[in-house]
Amino acid sequence: MRNEIYREATKLIRSRSNDALRIVFRYTQDTIDIMYIDEQILNEDLLPRIERLRTRALEIAEMSAATTITAYGELETILATHDDAIILYLLAGDDEGIIATHDRTEAPFNNELL
């Protein structure tokens, strides 16, 4: 059941992301599962960057659990905008979720979100 949810989320992200999407991966406390990767970045050393993103997502989930605003409920999504990238964090729990990275030079999400 959980795998199907992640597959559907990946399909939705891909359908909305145009050519800006670079990588989508599912993470847990101990694992990383690549759901999509753009062929253009296959020659790059991705593991250190993916590990940093996973660590950051775990930190965000831990921080948000400690600072939940009860009027709004739990934090589920973060959209981080950087100079060269846009990173979408979909937090499925304290220790799992999906991360999608996009080039900032393209038009992610069909310009509907940003």
PDB file of N, CA and C in Angstrom:
ATOM      1  N   MET A   1       0.820  -1.196   0.000  1.00  0.00           N
ATOM      2  CA  MET A   1       0.000   0.000   0.000  1.00  0.00           C
ATOM      3  C   MET A   1       0.865   1.262   0.000  1.00  0.00           C
ATOM      4  N   ARG A   2       1.853   1.330   0.913  1.00  0.00           N
ATOM      5  CA  ARG A   2       2.721   2.499   1.011  1.00  0.00           C
ATOM      6  C   ARG A   2       3.489   2.719  -0.290  1.00  0.00           C
ATOM      7  N   ASN A   3       3.993   1.630  -0.902  1.00  0.00           N
ATOM      8  CA  ASN A   3       4.724   1.752  -2.162  1.00  0.00           C
ATOM      9  C   ASN A   3       3.860   2.363  -3.249  1.00  0.00           C
ATOM     10  N   GLU A   4       2.597   1.976  -3.307  1.00  0.00           N
ATOM     11  CA  GLU A   4       1.679   2.524  -4.313  1.00  0.00           C
ATOM     12  C   GLU A   4       1.474   4.022  -4.108  1.00  0.00           C
ATOM     13  N   ILE A   5       1.375   4.451  -2.881  1.00  0.00           N
ATOM     14  CA  ILE A   5       1.226   5.884  -2.584  1.00  0.00           C
ATOM     15  C   ILE A   5       2.445   6.653  -3.086  1.00  0.00           C
ATOM     16  N   TYR A   6       3.637   6.117  -2.857  1.00  0.00           N
ATOM     17  CA  TYR A   6       4.853   6.780  -3.318  1.00  0.00           C
ATOM     18  C   TYR A   6       4.949   6.785  -4.840  1.00  0.00           C
ATOM     19  N   ARG A   7       4.531   5.706  -5.487  1.00  0.00           N
ATOM     20  CA  ARG A   7       4.528   5.676  -6.957  1.00  0.00           C
ATOM     21  C   ARG A   7       3.572   6.731  -7.509  1.00  0.00           C
ATOM     22  N   GLU A   8       2.396   6.839  -6.925  1.00  0.00           N
ATOM     23  CA  GLU A   8       1.413   7.836  -7.371  1.00  0.00           C
ATOM     24  C   GLU A   8       1.922   9.251  -7.138  1.00  0.00           C
ATOM     25  N   ALA A   9       2.543   9.489  -6.001  1.00  0.00           N
ATOM     26  CA  ALA A   9       3.102  10.813  -5.717  1.00  0.00           C
ATOM     27  C   ALA A   9       4.187  11.164  -6.726  1.00  0.00           C
ATOM     28  N   THR A  10       5.029  10.198  -7.063  1.00  0.00           N
ATOM     29  CA  THR A  10       6.081  10.426  -8.050  1.00  0.00           C
ATOM     30  C   THR A  10       5.485  10.740  -9.413  1.00  0.00           C
ATOM     31  N   LYS A  11       4.447  10.009  -9.814  1.00  0.00           N
ATOM     32  CA  LYS A  11       3.787  10.288 -11.095  1.00  0.00           C
ATOM     33  C   LYS A  11       3.219  11.699 -11.119  1.00  0.00           C
ATOM     34  N   LEU A  12       2.599  12.107 -10.036  1.00  0.00           N
ATOM     35  CA  LEU A  12       2.023  13.446  -9.958  1.00  0.00           C
ATOM     36  C   LEU A  12       3.104  14.521 -10.037  1.00  0.00           C
ATOM     37  N   ILE A  13       4.190  14.330  -9.314  1.00  0.00           N
ATOM     38  CA  ILE A  13       5.303  15.284  -9.373  1.00  0.00           C
ATOM     39  C   ILE A  13       5.842  15.369 -10.790  1.00  0.00           C
ATOM     40  N   ARG A  14       6.050  14.233 -11.436  1.00  0.00           N
ATOM     41  CA  ARG A  14       6.583  14.225 -12.807  1.00  0.00           C
ATOM     42  C   ARG A  14       5.636  14.903 -13.779  1.00  0.00           C
ATOM     43  N   SER A  15       4.347  14.709 -13.607  1.00  0.00           N
ATOM     44  CA  SER A  15       3.380  15.300 -14.541  1.00  0.00           C
ATOM     45  C   SER A  15       3.308  16.818 -14.411  1.00  0.00           C
ATOM     46  N   ARG A  16       3.690  17.359 -13.264  1.00  0.00           N
ATOM     47  CA  ARG A  16       3.601  18.794 -13.030  1.00  0.00           C
ATOM     48  C   ARG A  16       4.931  19.519 -13.182  1.00  0.00           C
ATOM     49  N   SER A  17       6.017  18.809 -13.421  1.00  0.00           N
ATOM     50  CA  SER A  17       7.341  19.410 -13.277  1.00  0.00           C
ATOM     51  C   SER A  17       8.039  19.815 -14.562  1.00  0.00           C
ATOM     52  N   ASN A  18       7.509  19.519 -15.711  1.00  0.00           N
ATOM     53  CA  ASN A  18       8.188  19.835 -16.971  1.00  0.00           C
ATOM     54  C   ASN A  18       9.593  19.262 -17.000  1.00  0.00           C
ATOM     55  N   ASP A  19      10.499  19.951 -17.699  1.00  0.00           N
ATOM     56  CA  ASP A  19      11.872  19.477 -17.847  1.00  0.00           C
ATOM     57  C   ASP A  19      12.771  19.891 -16.693  1.00  0.00           C
ATOM     58  N   ALA A  20      12.238  20.590 -15.725  1.00  0.00           N
ATOM     59  CA  ALA A  20      13.047  21.067 -14.604  1.00  0.00           C
ATOM     60  C   ALA A  20      13.353  19.970 -13.590  1.00  0.00           C
ATOM     61  N   LEU A  21      12.565  18.917 -13.569  1.00  0.00           N
ATOM     62  CA  LEU A  21      12.735  17.854 -12.576  1.00  0.00           C
ATOM     63  C   LEU A  21      14.050  17.113 -12.799  1.00  0.00           C
ATOM     64  N   ARG A  22      14.816  16.947 -11.720  1.00  0.00           N
ATOM     65  CA  ARG A  22      16.091  16.248 -11.819  1.00  0.00           C
ATOM     66  C   ARG A  22      16.066  14.895 -11.126  1.00  0.00           C
ATOM     67  N   ILE A  23      15.512  14.828  -9.944  1.00  0.00           N
ATOM     68  CA  ILE A  23      15.501  13.553  -9.228  1.00  0.00           C
ATOM     69  C   ILE A  23      14.343  13.534  -8.230  1.00  0.00           C
ATOM     70  N   VAL A  24      13.766  12.349  -8.069  1.00  0.00           N
ATOM     71  CA  VAL A  24      12.759  12.109  -7.033  1.00  0.00           C
ATOM     72  C   VAL A  24      13.210  10.860  -6.293  1.00  0.00           C
ATOM     73  N   PHE A  25      13.267  10.947  -4.977  1.00  0.00           N
ATOM     74  CA  PHE A  25      13.614   9.756  -4.219  1.00  0.00           C
ATOM     75  C   PHE A  25      12.808   9.674  -2.933  1.00  0.00           C
ATOM     76  N   ARG A  26      12.553   8.445  -2.555  1.00  0.00           N
ATOM     77  CA  ARG A  26      11.885   8.131  -1.295  1.00  0.00           C
ATOM     78  C   ARG A  26      12.984   7.869  -0.273  1.00  0.00           C
ATOM     79  N   TYR A  27      12.752   8.313   0.944  1.00  0.00           N
ATOM     80  CA  TYR A  27      13.752   8.083   1.978  1.00  0.00           C
ATOM     81  C   TYR A  27      13.094   7.574   3.256  1.00  0.00           C
ATOM     82  N   THR A  28      13.876   6.857   4.029  1.00  0.00           N
ATOM     83  CA  THR A  28      13.526   6.491   5.402  1.00  0.00           C
ATOM     84  C   THR A  28      14.754   6.810   6.245  1.00  0.00           C
ATOM     85  N   GLN A  29      14.698   6.469   7.497  1.00  0.00           N
ATOM     86  CA  GLN A  29      15.840   6.697   8.389  1.00  0.00           C
ATOM     87  C   GLN A  29      17.086   5.978   7.871  1.00  0.00           C
ATOM     88  N   ASP A  30      16.895   4.813   7.236  1.00  0.00           N
ATOM     89  CA  ASP A  30      18.029   3.972   6.851  1.00  0.00           C
ATOM     90  C   ASP A  30      18.205   3.747   5.357  1.00  0.00           C
ATOM     91  N   THR A  31      17.227   4.138   4.542  1.00  0.00           N
ATOM     92  CA  THR A  31      17.295   3.795   3.116  1.00  0.00           C
ATOM     93  C   THR A  31      16.956   4.974   2.217  1.00  0.00           C
ATOM     94  N   ILE A  32      17.390   4.834   0.970  1.00  0.00           N
ATOM     95  CA  ILE A  32      17.051   5.773  -0.097  1.00  0.00           C
ATOM     96  C   ILE A  32      16.643   4.939  -1.301  1.00  0.00           C
ATOM     97  N   ASP A  33      15.519   5.282  -1.916  1.00  0.00           N
ATOM     98  CA  ASP A  33      15.014   4.566  -3.086  1.00  0.00           C
ATOM     99  C   ASP A  33      14.748   5.584  -4.187  1.00  0.00           C
ATOM    100  N   ILE A  34      15.551   5.545  -5.257  1.00  0.00           N
ATOM    101  CA  ILE A  34      15.389   6.486  -6.366  1.00  0.00           C
ATOM    102  C   ILE A  34      14.122   6.129  -7.129  1.00  0.00           C
ATOM    103  N   MET A  35      13.208   7.085  -7.242  1.00  0.00           N
ATOM    104  CA  MET A  35      11.946   6.874  -7.946  1.00  0.00           C
ATOM    105  C   MET A  35      12.026   7.394  -9.389  1.00  0.00           C
ATOM    106  N   TYR A  36      12.829   8.443  -9.603  1.00  0.00           N
ATOM    107  CA  TYR A  36      13.024   9.021 -10.928  1.00  0.00           C
ATOM    108  C   TYR A  36      14.365   9.746 -10.921  1.00  0.00           C
ATOM    109  N   ILE A  37      15.080   9.659 -12.046  1.00  0.00           N
ATOM    110  CA  ILE A  37      16.309  10.429 -12.201  1.00  0.00           C
ATOM    111  C   ILE A  37      16.422  10.883 -13.650  1.00  0.00           C
ATOM    112  N   ASP A  38      16.755  12.140 -13.839  1.00  0.00           N
ATOM    113  CA  ASP A  38      16.939  12.705 -15.168  1.00  0.00           C
ATOM    114  C   ASP A  38      18.275  12.213 -15.731  1.00  0.00           C
ATOM    115  N   GLU A  39      18.261  11.743 -16.953  1.00  0.00           N
ATOM    116  CA  GLU A  39      19.472  11.196 -17.573  1.00  0.00           C
ATOM    117  C   GLU A  39      20.609  12.211 -17.615  1.00  0.00           C
ATOM    118  N   GLN A  40      20.291  13.499 -17.668  1.00  0.00           N
ATOM    119  CA  GLN A  40      21.321  14.539 -17.763  1.00  0.00           C
ATOM    120  C   GLN A  40      22.245  14.578 -16.549  1.00  0.00           C
ATOM    121  N   ILE A  41      21.781  14.070 -15.423  1.00  0.00           N
ATOM    122  CA  ILE A  41      22.606  14.164 -14.214  1.00  0.00           C
ATOM    123  C   ILE A  41      23.212  12.827 -13.799  1.00  0.00           C
ATOM    124  N   LEU A  42      23.079  11.823 -14.636  1.00  0.00           N
ATOM    125  CA  LEU A  42      23.605  10.499 -14.283  1.00  0.00           C
ATOM    126  C   LEU A  42      25.116  10.485 -14.101  1.00  0.00           C
ATOM    127  N   ASN A  43      25.828  11.371 -14.771  1.00  0.00           N
ATOM    128  CA  ASN A  43      27.282  11.368 -14.665  1.00  0.00           C
ATOM    129  C   ASN A  43      27.777  12.137 -13.439  1.00  0.00           C
ATOM    130  N   GLU A  44      26.891  12.775 -12.699  1.00  0.00           N
ATOM    131  CA  GLU A  44      27.284  13.520 -11.505  1.00  0.00           C
ATOM    132  C   GLU A  44      27.367  12.593 -10.297  1.00  0.00           C
ATOM    133  N   ASP A  45      28.139  12.995  -9.325  1.00  0.00           N
ATOM    134  CA  ASP A  45      28.238  12.237  -8.078  1.00  0.00           C
ATOM    135  C   ASP A  45      27.061  12.637  -7.189  1.00  0.00           C
ATOM    136  N   LEU A  46      25.985  11.888  -7.284  1.00  0.00           N
ATOM    137  CA  LEU A  46      24.730  12.251  -6.633  1.00  0.00           C
ATOM    138  C   LEU A  46      24.608  11.790  -5.189  1.00  0.00           C
ATOM    139  N   LEU A  47      25.285  10.729  -4.831  1.00  0.00           N
ATOM    140  CA  LEU A  47      25.081  10.155  -3.499  1.00  0.00           C
ATOM    141  C   LEU A  47      25.320  11.136  -2.350  1.00  0.00           C
ATOM    142  N   PRO A  48      26.396  11.925  -2.367  1.00  0.00           N
ATOM    143  CA  PRO A  48      26.568  12.876  -1.256  1.00  0.00           C
ATOM    144  C   PRO A  48      25.435  13.900  -1.180  1.00  0.00           C
ATOM    145  N   ARG A  49      24.978  14.393  -2.326  1.00  0.00           N
ATOM    146  CA  ARG A  49      23.877  15.372  -2.324  1.00  0.00           C
ATOM    147  C   ARG A  49      22.578  14.744  -1.855  1.00  0.00           C
ATOM    148  N   ILE A  50      22.308  13.535  -2.317  1.00  0.00           N
ATOM    149  CA  ILE A  50      21.080  12.845  -1.900  1.00  0.00           C
ATOM    150  C   ILE A  50      21.110  12.594  -0.396  1.00  0.00           C
ATOM    151  N   GLU A  51      22.253  12.184   0.102  1.00  0.00           N
ATOM    152  CA  GLU A  51      22.378  11.930   1.542  1.00  0.00           C
ATOM    153  C   GLU A  51      22.171  13.211   2.344  1.00  0.00           C
ATOM    154  N   ARG A  52      22.713  14.339   1.860  1.00  0.00           N
ATOM    155  CA  ARG A  52      22.497  15.615   2.558  1.00  0.00           C
ATOM    156  C   ARG A  52      21.023  16.001   2.568  1.00  0.00           C
ATOM    157  N   LEU A  53      20.332  15.794   1.447  1.00  0.00           N
ATOM    158  CA  LEU A  53      18.903  16.104   1.379  1.00  0.00           C
ATOM    159  C   LEU A  53      18.100  15.215   2.322  1.00  0.00           C
ATOM    160  N   ARG A  54      18.438  13.941   2.359  1.00  0.00           N
ATOM    161  CA  ARG A  54      17.741  13.018   3.267  1.00  0.00           C
ATOM    162  C   ARG A  54      17.959  13.433   4.718  1.00  0.00           C
ATOM    163  N   THR A  55      19.196  13.752   5.058  1.00  0.00           N
ATOM    164  CA  THR A  55      19.500  14.198   6.419  1.00  0.00           C
ATOM    165  C   THR A  55      18.728  15.464   6.756  1.00  0.00           C
ATOM    166  N   ARG A  56      18.665  16.386   5.806  1.00  0.00           N
ATOM    167  CA  ARG A  56      17.922  17.637   6.026  1.00  0.00           C
ATOM    168  C   ARG A  56      16.438  17.353   6.238  1.00  0.00           C
ATOM    169  N   ALA A  57      15.864  16.462   5.452  1.00  0.00           N
ATOM    170  CA  ALA A  57      14.443  16.125   5.604  1.00  0.00           C
ATOM    171  C   ALA A  57      14.172  15.516   6.972  1.00  0.00           C
ATOM    172  N   LEU A  58      15.060  14.654   7.421  1.00  0.00           N
ATOM    173  CA  LEU A  58      14.896  14.054   8.748  1.00  0.00           C
ATOM    174  C   LEU A  58      14.990  15.119   9.844  1.00  0.00           C
ATOM    175  N   GLU A  59      15.899  16.086   9.665  1.00  0.00           N
ATOM    176  CA  GLU A  59      16.015  17.187  10.629  1.00  0.00           C
ATOM    177  C   GLU A  59      14.756  18.046  10.633  1.00  0.00           C
ATOM    178  N   ILE A  60      14.231  18.335   9.443  1.00  0.00           N
ATOM    179  CA  ILE A  60      13.013  19.139   9.330  1.00  0.00           C
ATOM    180  C   ILE A  60      11.855  18.446  10.035  1.00  0.00           C
ATOM    181  N   ALA A  61      11.707  17.156   9.796  1.00  0.00           N
ATOM    182  CA  ALA A  61      10.612  16.409  10.425  1.00  0.00           C
ATOM    183  C   ALA A  61      10.753  16.422  11.938  1.00  0.00           C
ATOM    184  N   GLU A  62      11.975  16.269  12.415  1.00  0.00           N
ATOM    185  CA  GLU A  62      12.207  16.280  13.863  1.00  0.00           C
ATOM    186  C   GLU A  62      11.895  17.659  14.447  1.00  0.00           C
ATOM    187  N   MET A  63      12.344  18.720  13.767  1.00  0.00           N
ATOM    188  CA  MET A  63      12.060  20.075  14.231  1.00  0.00           C
ATOM    189  C   MET A  63      10.571  20.368  14.222  1.00  0.00           C
ATOM    190  N   SER A  64       9.903  19.960  13.145  1.00  0.00           N
ATOM    191  CA  SER A  64       8.477  20.272  13.025  1.00  0.00           C
ATOM    192  C   SER A  64       7.654  19.525  14.066  1.00  0.00           C
ATOM    193  N   ALA A  65       8.084  18.335  14.434  1.00  0.00           N
ATOM    194  CA  ALA A  65       7.368  17.587  15.472  1.00  0.00           C
ATOM    195  C   ALA A  65       7.439  18.326  16.806  1.00  0.00           C
ATOM    196  N   ALA A  66       8.548  18.994  17.038  1.00  0.00           N
ATOM    197  CA  ALA A  66       8.727  19.725  18.290  1.00  0.00           C
ATOM    198  C   ALA A  66       8.047  21.089  18.274  1.00  0.00           C
ATOM    199  N   THR A  67       7.746  21.604  17.079  1.00  0.00           N
ATOM    200  CA  THR A  67       7.190  22.956  16.980  1.00  0.00           C
ATOM    201  C   THR A  67       5.860  22.989  16.239  1.00  0.00           C
ATOM    202  N   THR A  68       5.118  21.899  16.257  1.00  0.00           N
ATOM    203  CA  THR A  68       3.843  21.838  15.548  1.00  0.00           C
ATOM    204  C   THR A  68       2.902  22.925  16.053  1.00  0.00           C
ATOM    205  N   ILE A  69       2.302  23.637  15.129  1.00  0.00           N
ATOM    206  CA  ILE A  69       1.313  24.652  15.470  1.00  0.00           C
ATOM    207  C   ILE A  69      -0.031  23.945  15.514  1.00  0.00           C
ATOM    208  N   THR A  70      -0.563  23.769  16.690  1.00  0.00           N
ATOM    209  CA  THR A  70      -1.761  22.942  16.848  1.00  0.00           C
ATOM    210  C   THR A  70      -2.958  23.481  16.082  1.00  0.00           C
ATOM    211  N   ALA A  71      -3.003  24.757  15.845  1.00  0.00           N
ATOM    212  CA  ALA A  71      -4.130  25.322  15.103  1.00  0.00           C
ATOM    213  C   ALA A  71      -4.143  24.842  13.658  1.00  0.00           C
ATOM    214  N   TYR A  72      -2.978  24.480  13.136  1.00  0.00           N
ATOM    215  CA  TYR A  72      -2.874  24.076  11.738  1.00  0.00           C
ATOM    216  C   TYR A  72      -2.616  22.594  11.550  1.00  0.00           C
ATOM    217  N   GLY A  73      -2.149  21.904  12.547  1.00  0.00           N
ATOM    218  CA  GLY A  73      -1.826  20.491  12.405  1.00  0.00           C
ATOM    219  C   GLY A  73      -0.361  20.275  12.077  1.00  0.00           C
ATOM    220  N   GLU A  74      -0.049  19.070  11.663  1.00  0.00           N
ATOM    221  CA  GLU A  74       1.337  18.695  11.397  1.00  0.00           C
ATOM    222  C   GLU A  74       1.832  19.255  10.071  1.00  0.00           C
ATOM    223  N   LEU A  75       3.136  19.525  10.021  1.00  0.00           N
ATOM    224  CA  LEU A  75       3.789  19.966   8.801  1.00  0.00           C
ATOM    225  C   LEU A  75       3.909  18.779   7.853  1.00  0.00           C
ATOM    226  N   GLU A  76       3.490  18.951   6.598  1.00  0.00           N
ATOM    227  CA  GLU A  76       3.521  17.853   5.632  1.00  0.00           C
ATOM    228  C   GLU A  76       4.412  18.129   4.430  1.00  0.00           C
ATOM    229  N   THR A  77       4.567  19.397   4.055  1.00  0.00           N
ATOM    230  CA  THR A  77       5.294  19.734   2.838  1.00  0.00           C
ATOM    231  C   THR A  77       6.109  20.999   3.044  1.00  0.00           C
ATOM    232  N   ILE A  78       7.307  21.006   2.468  1.00  0.00           N
ATOM    233  CA  ILE A  78       8.124  22.213   2.439  1.00  0.00           C
ATOM    234  C   ILE A  78       8.611  22.394   1.010  1.00  0.00           C
ATOM    235  N   LEU A  79       8.526  23.614   0.512  1.00  0.00           N
ATOM    236  CA  LEU A  79       9.073  23.966  -0.787  1.00  0.00           C
ATOM    237  C   LEU A  79      10.222  24.933  -0.532  1.00  0.00           C
ATOM    238  N   ALA A  80      11.447  24.475  -0.760  1.00  0.00           N
ATOM    239  CA  ALA A  80      12.640  25.286  -0.512  1.00  0.00           C
ATOM    240  C   ALA A  80      13.147  25.834  -1.836  1.00  0.00           C
ATOM    241  N   THR A  81      13.279  27.147  -1.918  1.00  0.00           N
ATOM    242  CA  THR A  81      13.736  27.799  -3.135  1.00  0.00           C
ATOM    243  C   THR A  81      15.157  28.303  -2.916  1.00  0.00           C
ATOM    244  N   HIS A  82      16.084  27.827  -3.740  1.00  0.00           N
ATOM    245  CA  HIS A  82      17.492  28.216  -3.658  1.00  0.00           C
ATOM    246  C   HIS A  82      17.874  28.923  -4.957  1.00  0.00           C
ATOM    247  N   ASP A  83      19.104  29.436  -5.035  1.00  0.00           N
ATOM    248  CA  ASP A  83      19.548  30.132  -6.239  1.00  0.00           C
ATOM    249  C   ASP A  83      19.431  29.265  -7.487  1.00  0.00           C
ATOM    250  N   ASP A  84      19.854  28.007  -7.380  1.00  0.00           N
ATOM    251  CA  ASP A  84      19.913  27.138  -8.551  1.00  0.00           C
ATOM    252  C   ASP A  84      18.954  25.962  -8.520  1.00  0.00           C
ATOM    253  N   ALA A  85      18.200  25.819  -7.448  1.00  0.00           N
ATOM    254  CA  ALA A  85      17.338  24.638  -7.333  1.00  0.00           C
ATOM    255  C   ALA A  85      16.093  24.943  -6.512  1.00  0.00           C
ATOM    256  N   ILE A  86      15.083  24.148  -6.773  1.00  0.00           N
ATOM    257  CA  ILE A  86      13.867  24.151  -5.969  1.00  0.00           C
ATOM    258  C   ILE A  86      13.715  22.729  -5.446  1.00  0.00           C
ATOM    259  N   ILE A  87      13.544  22.605  -4.149  1.00  0.00           N
ATOM    260  CA  ILE A  87      13.458  21.283  -3.531  1.00  0.00           C
ATOM    261  C   ILE A  87      12.113  21.140  -2.844  1.00  0.00           C
ATOM    262  N   LEU A  88      11.413  20.081  -3.195  1.00  0.00           N
ATOM    263  CA  LEU A  88      10.117  19.774  -2.610  1.00  0.00           C
ATOM    264  C   LEU A  88      10.292  18.626  -1.624  1.00  0.00           C
ATOM    265  N   TYR A  89       9.967  18.882  -0.368  1.00  0.00           N
ATOM    266  CA  TYR A  89      10.018  17.864   0.682  1.00  0.00           C
ATOM    267  C   TYR A  89       8.586  17.458   1.009  1.00  0.00           C
ATOM    268  N   LEU A  90       8.237  16.212   0.775  1.00  0.00           N
ATOM    269  CA  LEU A  90       6.934  15.675   1.172  1.00  0.00           C
ATOM    270  C   LEU A  90       7.180  14.754   2.360  1.00  0.00           C
ATOM    271  N   LEU A  91       6.802  15.205   3.526  1.00  0.00           N
ATOM    272  CA  LEU A  91       7.080  14.476   4.762  1.00  0.00           C
ATOM    273  C   LEU A  91       5.927  13.528   5.051  1.00  0.00           C
ATOM    274  N   ALA A  92       6.203  12.238   5.006  1.00  0.00           N
ATOM    275  CA  ALA A  92       5.160  11.238   5.261  1.00  0.00           C
ATOM    276  C   ALA A  92       5.143  10.809   6.720  1.00  0.00           C
ATOM    277  N   GLY A  93       6.110  11.247   7.474  1.00  0.00           N
ATOM    278  CA  GLY A  93       6.218  10.899   8.885  1.00  0.00           C
ATOM    279  C   GLY A  93       7.515  11.446   9.427  1.00  0.00           C
ATOM    280  N   ASP A  94       7.838  11.088  10.645  1.00  0.00           N
ATOM    281  CA  ASP A  94       9.070  11.585  11.253  1.00  0.00           C
ATOM    282  C   ASP A  94      10.323  11.072  10.563  1.00  0.00           C
ATOM    283  N   ASP A  95      10.221   9.928   9.906  1.00  0.00           N
ATOM    284  CA  ASP A  95      11.431   9.347   9.328  1.00  0.00           C
ATOM    285  C   ASP A  95      11.228   8.789   7.926  1.00  0.00           C
ATOM    286  N   GLU A  96      10.264   9.335   7.185  1.00  0.00           N
ATOM    287  CA  GLU A  96      10.137   8.914   5.784  1.00  0.00           C
ATOM    288  C   GLU A  96       9.383   9.959   4.978  1.00  0.00           C
ATOM    289  N   GLY A  97       9.617   9.912   3.660  1.00  0.00           N
ATOM    290  CA  GLY A  97       8.955  10.845   2.760  1.00  0.00           C
ATOM    291  C   GLY A  97       9.555  10.781   1.372  1.00  0.00           C
ATOM    292  N   ILE A  98       9.258  11.818   0.592  1.00  0.00           N
ATOM    293  CA  ILE A  98       9.768  11.940  -0.775  1.00  0.00           C
ATOM    294  C   ILE A  98      10.423  13.307  -0.909  1.00  0.00           C
ATOM    295  N   ILE A  99      11.519  13.344  -1.656  1.00  0.00           N
ATOM    296  CA  ILE A  99      12.178  14.600  -1.994  1.00  0.00           C
ATOM    297  C   ILE A  99      12.283  14.668  -3.507  1.00  0.00           C
ATOM    298  N   ALA A 100      11.934  15.826  -4.070  1.00  0.00           N
ATOM    299  CA  ALA A 100      12.057  16.058  -5.509  1.00  0.00           C
ATOM    300  C   ALA A 100      12.875  17.327  -5.714  1.00  0.00           C
ATOM    301  N   THR A 101      13.909  17.242  -6.554  1.00  0.00           N
ATOM    302  CA  THR A 101      14.710  18.427  -6.844  1.00  0.00           C
ATOM    303  C   THR A 101      14.460  18.869  -8.279  1.00  0.00           C
ATOM    304  N   HIS A 102      14.450  20.184  -8.456  1.00  0.00           N
ATOM    305  CA  HIS A 102      14.187  20.801  -9.752  1.00  0.00           C
ATOM    306  C   HIS A 102      15.246  21.857 -10.016  1.00  0.00           C
ATOM    307  N   ASP A 103      15.626  22.009 -11.276  1.00  0.00           N
ATOM    308  CA  ASP A 103      16.476  23.122 -11.671  1.00  0.00           C
ATOM    309  C   ASP A 103      15.689  24.407 -11.523  1.00  0.00           C
ATOM    310  N   ARG A 104      16.320  25.439 -11.067  1.00  0.00           N
ATOM    311  CA  ARG A 104      15.657  26.738 -10.951  1.00  0.00           C
ATOM    312  C   ARG A 104      15.620  27.439 -12.302  1.00  0.00           C
ATOM    313  N   THR A 105      16.462  27.016 -13.237  1.00  0.00           N
ATOM    314  CA  THR A 105      16.533  27.679 -14.537  1.00  0.00           C
ATOM    315  C   THR A 105      15.359  27.330 -15.433  1.00  0.00           C
ATOM    316  N   GLU A 106      14.697  26.230 -15.155  1.00  0.00           N
ATOM    317  CA  GLU A 106      13.518  25.839 -15.923  1.00  0.00           C
ATOM    318  C   GLU A 106      12.269  26.353 -15.216  1.00  0.00           C
ATOM    319  N   ALA A 107      11.113  25.916 -15.656  1.00  0.00           N
ATOM    320  CA  ALA A 107       9.849  26.358 -15.074  1.00  0.00           C
ATOM    321  C   ALA A 107       9.152  25.184 -14.393  1.00  0.00           C
ATOM    322  N   PRO A 108       9.552  24.872 -13.166  1.00  0.00           N
ATOM    323  CA  PRO A 108       8.912  23.739 -12.505  1.00  0.00           C
ATOM    324  C   PRO A 108       7.447  23.990 -12.235  1.00  0.00           C
ATOM    325  N   PHE A 109       6.689  22.943 -12.192  1.00  0.00           N
ATOM    326  CA  PHE A 109       5.266  22.989 -11.878  1.00  0.00           C
ATOM    327  C   PHE A 109       4.478  23.841 -12.876  1.00  0.00           C
ATOM    328  N   ASN A 110       4.944  23.914 -14.115  1.00  0.00           N
ATOM    329  CA  ASN A 110       4.247  24.658 -15.169  1.00  0.00           C
ATOM    330  C   ASN A 110       3.980  26.107 -14.785  1.00  0.00           C
ATOM    331  N   ASN A 111       4.840  26.691 -13.980  1.00  0.00           N
ATOM    332  CA  ASN A 111       4.696  28.069 -13.497  1.00  0.00           C
ATOM    333  C   ASN A 111       3.427  28.293 -12.706  1.00  0.00           C
ATOM    334  N   GLU A 112       2.759  27.241 -12.283  1.00  0.00           N
ATOM    335  CA  GLU A 112       1.520  27.396 -11.538  1.00  0.00           C
ATOM    336  C   GLU A 112       1.769  27.613 -10.060  1.00  0.00           C
ATOM    337  N   LEU A 113       2.914  27.198  -9.567  1.00  0.00           N
ATOM    338  CA  LEU A 113       3.182  27.280  -8.140  1.00  0.00           C
ATOM    339  C   LEU A 113       4.107  28.439  -7.807  1.00  0.00           C
ATOM    340  N   LEU A 114       5.070  28.715  -8.666  1.00  0.00           N
ATOM    341  CA  LEU A 114       6.055  29.761  -8.379  1.00  0.00           C
ATOM    342  C   LEU A 114       5.915  30.910  -9.341  1.00  0.00           C
TER     343      LEU A 114
END
